[in-house]
Amino acid sequence: MFTDIIHQFDHIAKRINEAELLLDPWPHLYISEIFSPDYYRQISEFEKFEGFEAEECFGRTEYRLVQHSKEYEEFTCELFSLLASKFNYVCETRVPATTNFWVDTEHLQINDIHVDAFYDTEFTISGQIYLPKDVNQQHYGTSLYTYLGDDIHADAVQDEGTSHPHTVLPEKEHMFKLVRKVPFYPNCMLVTTNQEHSWHKAPNIDSGDVRKSMMMRWKV
C-alpha cells in the first residue's frame, strides 16, 4: 500500500541528511536510494494503489492522492523540515506536501526551458522521485541550465501574478547553456526550489515508451 511510505521515514531522513547540496548550476539535491529496495519495488507499480484519481493531459497521466491520513501529512511535514534545512530556508510553519505520480509519454507538451512558477506561493520545494525499472532510461533525466544573457525579461515570459520570468522564449533558448543532465536512475530523487535561476527542462520521451515518477511538492 502507498501509505506504507510513512514507515520509510528513518531511511529517507538518513538519505537526505547524507546528501550534499549541489550548487552547479544552481542549488539542488540528487539523492540516491531514497527508499528501501523492497518499498521501491512497491511504489514503482503505483498504478495498483487505491486512493488515487487519474487524469490525462498534455501527454501526461497524473495520479493524484485524493485523501490522506494525519500520519501521512505529518510525515510530509517532517520531510519538508529536513529538506528546507538543506537549502538554509527557515520556516516555522508546518508545510505538508501534495503528492502526484506522473506517467509521461512521447506526447508530453512540457518541453520548454522553464522555472517552476506558482501564483499561490513564493517559495516551493519540489522533490521528483524517479521510478524506472532499470538504468536503461537514464537519458530521461532533467536537464539543468544557466542563463548567459543580461536581460531575462527579453528572453523569457513572466505571467501576471508570478514573481519573476519563468518560461524561455523558443527563439531565445540559445541564451541558456546546458550544464548537466541528471541521470534518470531508479530510486533517485531530484530536489529543487523555485528560485529565479533554476532553469530546467523535461526530456523528450521515445516513441512507445513512458517515463514514470513521483512528485512531492511543498508550497510555503
Protein backbone atom coordinates (compact mmCIF):
# COMPACT_ATOMS: atom_id res chain seq x y z
CA MET A 1 0.00 0.00 0.00
CA PHE A 2 1.13 3.58 -0.68
CA THR A 3 0.60 4.60 2.96
CA ASP A 4 3.40 2.22 3.94
CA ILE A 5 5.65 5.08 2.87
CA ILE A 6 5.40 6.57 6.37
CA HIS A 7 7.43 3.60 7.65
CA GLN A 8 10.24 4.70 5.34
CA PHE A 9 10.83 7.90 7.30
CA ASP A 10 14.04 6.90 9.07
CA HIS A 11 15.52 5.60 5.83
CA ILE A 12 14.55 8.72 3.87
CA ALA A 13 15.76 11.06 6.61
CA LYS A 14 19.15 9.34 6.64
CA ARG A 15 19.49 9.68 2.87
CA ILE A 16 18.52 13.38 3.00
CA ASN A 17 20.92 14.13 5.82
CA GLU A 18 23.76 12.41 4.00
CA ALA A 19 23.10 14.24 0.72
CA GLU A 20 25.33 17.07 -0.46
CA LEU A 21 23.79 20.31 -1.65
CA LEU A 22 24.95 20.67 -5.26
CA LEU A 23 25.48 24.24 -6.48
CA ASP A 24 26.16 23.82 -10.20
CA PRO A 25 24.36 25.40 -11.99
CA TRP A 26 22.08 26.28 -9.06
CA PRO A 27 21.28 24.72 -5.66
CA HIS A 28 19.68 21.26 -5.83
CA LEU A 29 19.86 17.80 -4.31
CA TYR A 30 20.25 14.48 -6.07
CA ILE A 31 19.56 11.72 -3.56
CA SER A 32 20.11 8.07 -4.43
CA GLU A 33 18.35 5.09 -2.80
CA ILE A 34 15.67 7.34 -1.35
CA PHE A 35 13.54 4.27 -0.47
CA SER A 36 14.49 0.82 0.74
CA PRO A 37 14.75 -1.68 -2.15
CA ASP A 38 11.60 -3.56 -1.10
CA TYR A 39 9.48 -0.42 -0.89
CA TYR A 40 10.86 0.89 -4.17
CA ARG A 41 9.57 -2.24 -5.90
CA GLN A 42 6.13 -1.50 -4.46
CA ILE A 43 5.97 2.18 -5.29
CA SER A 44 7.25 1.74 -8.84
CA GLU A 45 3.94 -0.06 -9.51
CA PHE A 46 1.85 2.80 -8.12
CA GLU A 47 -0.89 2.26 -10.71
CA LYS A 48 -2.09 -0.59 -8.49
CA PHE A 49 -2.56 1.64 -5.42
CA GLU A 50 -6.01 2.63 -4.22
CA GLY A 51 -7.00 6.20 -3.34
CA PHE A 52 -5.68 7.90 -6.47
CA GLU A 53 -7.53 9.74 -9.26
CA ALA A 54 -6.03 9.62 -12.74
CA GLU A 55 -6.28 12.38 -15.34
CA GLU A 56 -4.66 12.58 -18.77
CA CYS A 57 -3.48 15.97 -20.00
CA PHE A 58 -0.81 17.20 -22.44
CA GLY A 59 0.79 13.77 -22.89
CA ARG A 60 0.92 13.04 -19.16
CA THR A 61 -1.28 10.85 -16.98
CA GLU A 62 -1.32 12.27 -13.47
CA TYR A 63 -2.33 10.15 -10.49
CA ARG A 64 -3.39 12.40 -7.61
CA LEU A 65 -3.65 11.29 -4.00
CA VAL A 66 -7.22 12.26 -3.12
CA GLN A 67 -7.22 11.67 0.63
CA HIS A 68 -4.50 11.01 3.12
CA SER A 69 -4.18 10.41 6.83
CA LYS A 70 -2.94 12.76 9.51
CA GLU A 71 0.05 10.45 9.84
CA TYR A 72 0.93 10.94 6.17
CA GLU A 73 0.54 14.72 6.46
CA GLU A 74 2.85 14.74 9.47
CA PHE A 75 5.31 12.55 7.56
CA THR A 76 5.49 15.07 4.71
CA CYS A 77 5.82 17.99 7.14
CA GLU A 78 8.84 16.31 8.73
CA LEU A 79 10.38 15.78 5.30
CA PHE A 80 9.88 19.46 4.49
CA SER A 81 11.80 20.48 7.60
CA LEU A 82 14.71 18.24 6.61
CA LEU A 83 14.78 19.46 3.01
CA ALA A 84 14.33 23.13 3.89
CA SER A 85 17.34 22.98 6.20
CA LYS A 86 19.49 21.70 3.31
CA PHE A 87 18.64 24.89 1.41
CA ASN A 88 19.15 27.05 4.52
CA TYR A 89 15.48 28.03 4.42
CA VAL A 90 14.00 28.88 7.81
CA CYS A 91 10.28 28.27 8.23
CA GLU A 92 8.42 27.79 11.49
CA THR A 93 5.20 26.78 9.74
CA ARG A 94 4.33 23.12 9.25
CA VAL A 95 4.21 22.57 5.49
CA PRO A 96 2.59 19.38 4.12
CA ALA A 97 3.17 18.11 0.60
CA THR A 98 0.90 17.40 -2.31
CA THR A 99 1.65 14.01 -3.86
CA ASN A 100 1.23 13.06 -7.51
CA PHE A 101 2.51 10.30 -9.76
CA TRP A 102 3.28 11.02 -13.40
CA VAL A 103 3.38 8.79 -16.46
CA ASP A 104 4.85 10.82 -19.33
CA THR A 105 4.64 9.74 -22.97
CA GLU A 106 6.08 10.86 -26.31
CA HIS A 107 3.20 13.37 -26.49
CA LEU A 108 4.32 15.31 -23.42
CA GLN A 109 3.94 19.01 -24.19
CA ILE A 110 6.02 20.36 -21.30
CA ASN A 111 9.10 20.73 -23.46
CA ASP A 112 10.39 24.25 -22.80
CA ILE A 113 13.18 25.56 -20.58
CA HIS A 114 11.46 26.98 -17.54
CA VAL A 115 11.50 27.78 -13.85
CA ASP A 116 8.68 26.48 -11.67
CA ALA A 117 6.38 29.44 -11.07
CA PHE A 118 3.23 29.47 -8.96
CA TYR A 119 0.56 32.05 -8.30
CA ASP A 120 -0.20 30.92 -4.76
CA THR A 121 3.25 30.80 -3.17
CA GLU A 122 6.64 32.49 -3.31
CA PHE A 123 8.70 29.52 -2.10
CA THR A 124 8.29 25.91 -3.15
CA ILE A 125 10.34 22.76 -2.73
CA SER A 126 9.77 20.07 -5.37
CA GLY A 127 11.01 16.52 -4.94
CA GLN A 128 10.72 14.33 -8.03
CA ILE A 129 11.44 10.67 -7.41
CA TYR A 130 12.47 8.72 -10.50
CA LEU A 131 10.65 5.38 -10.92
CA PRO A 132 12.17 3.46 -13.87
CA LYS A 133 12.51 -0.32 -13.71
CA ASP A 134 16.21 -0.24 -14.59
CA VAL A 135 19.04 2.05 -15.73
CA ASN A 136 18.14 1.87 -19.43
CA GLN A 137 16.14 5.12 -19.17
CA GLN A 138 18.96 7.22 -17.73
CA HIS A 139 18.64 9.68 -20.64
CA TYR A 140 15.19 10.71 -19.35
CA GLY A 141 16.67 12.82 -16.56
CA THR A 142 16.01 16.53 -16.10
CA SER A 143 18.32 18.98 -17.90
CA LEU A 144 19.70 21.87 -15.84
CA TYR A 145 20.57 25.21 -17.46
CA THR A 146 22.23 28.50 -16.65
CA TYR A 147 21.33 31.84 -18.22
CA LEU A 148 24.02 33.50 -20.35
CA GLY A 149 22.31 36.80 -21.10
CA ASP A 150 21.84 40.07 -19.24
CA ASP A 151 18.15 40.83 -19.80
CA ILE A 152 15.99 37.92 -18.73
CA HIS A 153 12.82 39.93 -19.36
CA ALA A 154 13.69 39.98 -23.06
CA ASP A 155 14.40 36.26 -23.19
CA ALA A 156 11.63 34.73 -21.06
CA VAL A 157 7.94 35.18 -20.34
CA GLN A 158 6.54 36.31 -17.00
CA ASP A 159 2.84 35.72 -16.40
CA GLU A 160 0.87 38.20 -14.36
CA GLY A 161 0.85 37.18 -10.72
CA THR A 162 4.21 35.41 -10.77
CA SER A 163 7.31 36.84 -9.12
CA HIS A 164 9.81 36.52 -11.99
CA PRO A 165 10.19 35.40 -15.64
CA HIS A 166 9.69 31.64 -15.87
CA THR A 167 9.36 30.36 -19.45
CA VAL A 168 12.07 30.80 -22.08
CA LEU A 169 11.01 32.07 -25.49
CA PRO A 170 11.69 29.33 -28.09
CA GLU A 171 13.83 31.66 -30.19
CA LYS A 172 15.94 32.54 -27.13
CA GLU A 173 16.94 29.04 -25.99
CA HIS A 174 20.47 29.71 -27.31
CA MET A 175 20.83 32.17 -24.43
CA PHE A 176 20.77 29.26 -21.98
CA LYS A 177 23.64 26.82 -21.50
CA LEU A 178 23.03 23.15 -20.67
CA VAL A 179 25.22 22.47 -17.64
CA ARG A 180 24.22 18.94 -16.74
CA LYS A 181 21.58 16.30 -17.27
CA VAL A 182 20.54 14.49 -14.12
CA PRO A 183 20.52 10.72 -14.80
CA PHE A 184 17.09 9.12 -14.58
CA TYR A 185 18.22 6.29 -12.33
CA PRO A 186 15.87 4.10 -10.28
CA ASN A 187 15.08 5.17 -6.72
CA CYS A 188 16.70 8.62 -7.02
CA MET A 189 15.19 11.95 -6.01
CA LEU A 190 15.86 15.34 -7.59
CA VAL A 191 15.03 18.16 -5.18
CA THR A 192 14.77 21.74 -6.41
CA THR A 193 13.34 25.07 -5.27
CA ASN A 194 11.53 27.62 -7.41
CA GLN A 195 14.25 30.26 -7.12
CA GLU A 196 14.54 32.51 -10.16
CA HIS A 197 17.69 30.93 -11.62
CA SER A 198 16.60 27.27 -11.51
CA TRP A 199 16.15 26.82 -15.26
CA HIS A 200 15.43 23.23 -16.29
CA LYS A 201 13.78 21.14 -18.97
CA ALA A 202 11.96 17.80 -19.13
CA PRO A 203 13.22 15.18 -21.63
CA ASN A 204 11.69 14.04 -24.89
CA ILE A 205 10.20 10.56 -24.49
CA ASP A 206 10.92 7.92 -27.11
CA SER A 207 8.02 6.67 -29.22
CA GLY A 208 6.07 3.96 -27.40
CA ASP A 209 7.95 4.48 -24.13
CA VAL A 210 6.87 6.03 -20.80
CA ARG A 211 8.66 7.90 -18.02
CA LYS A 212 7.30 7.27 -14.51
CA SER A 213 7.96 9.45 -11.49
CA MET A 214 6.52 10.65 -8.20
CA MET A 215 6.29 14.34 -7.38
CA MET A 216 6.09 15.66 -3.83
CA ARG A 217 5.67 19.42 -3.69
CA TRP A 218 5.76 21.68 -0.66
CA LYS A 219 4.32 25.19 -1.06
CA VAL A 220 5.02 27.62 1.77
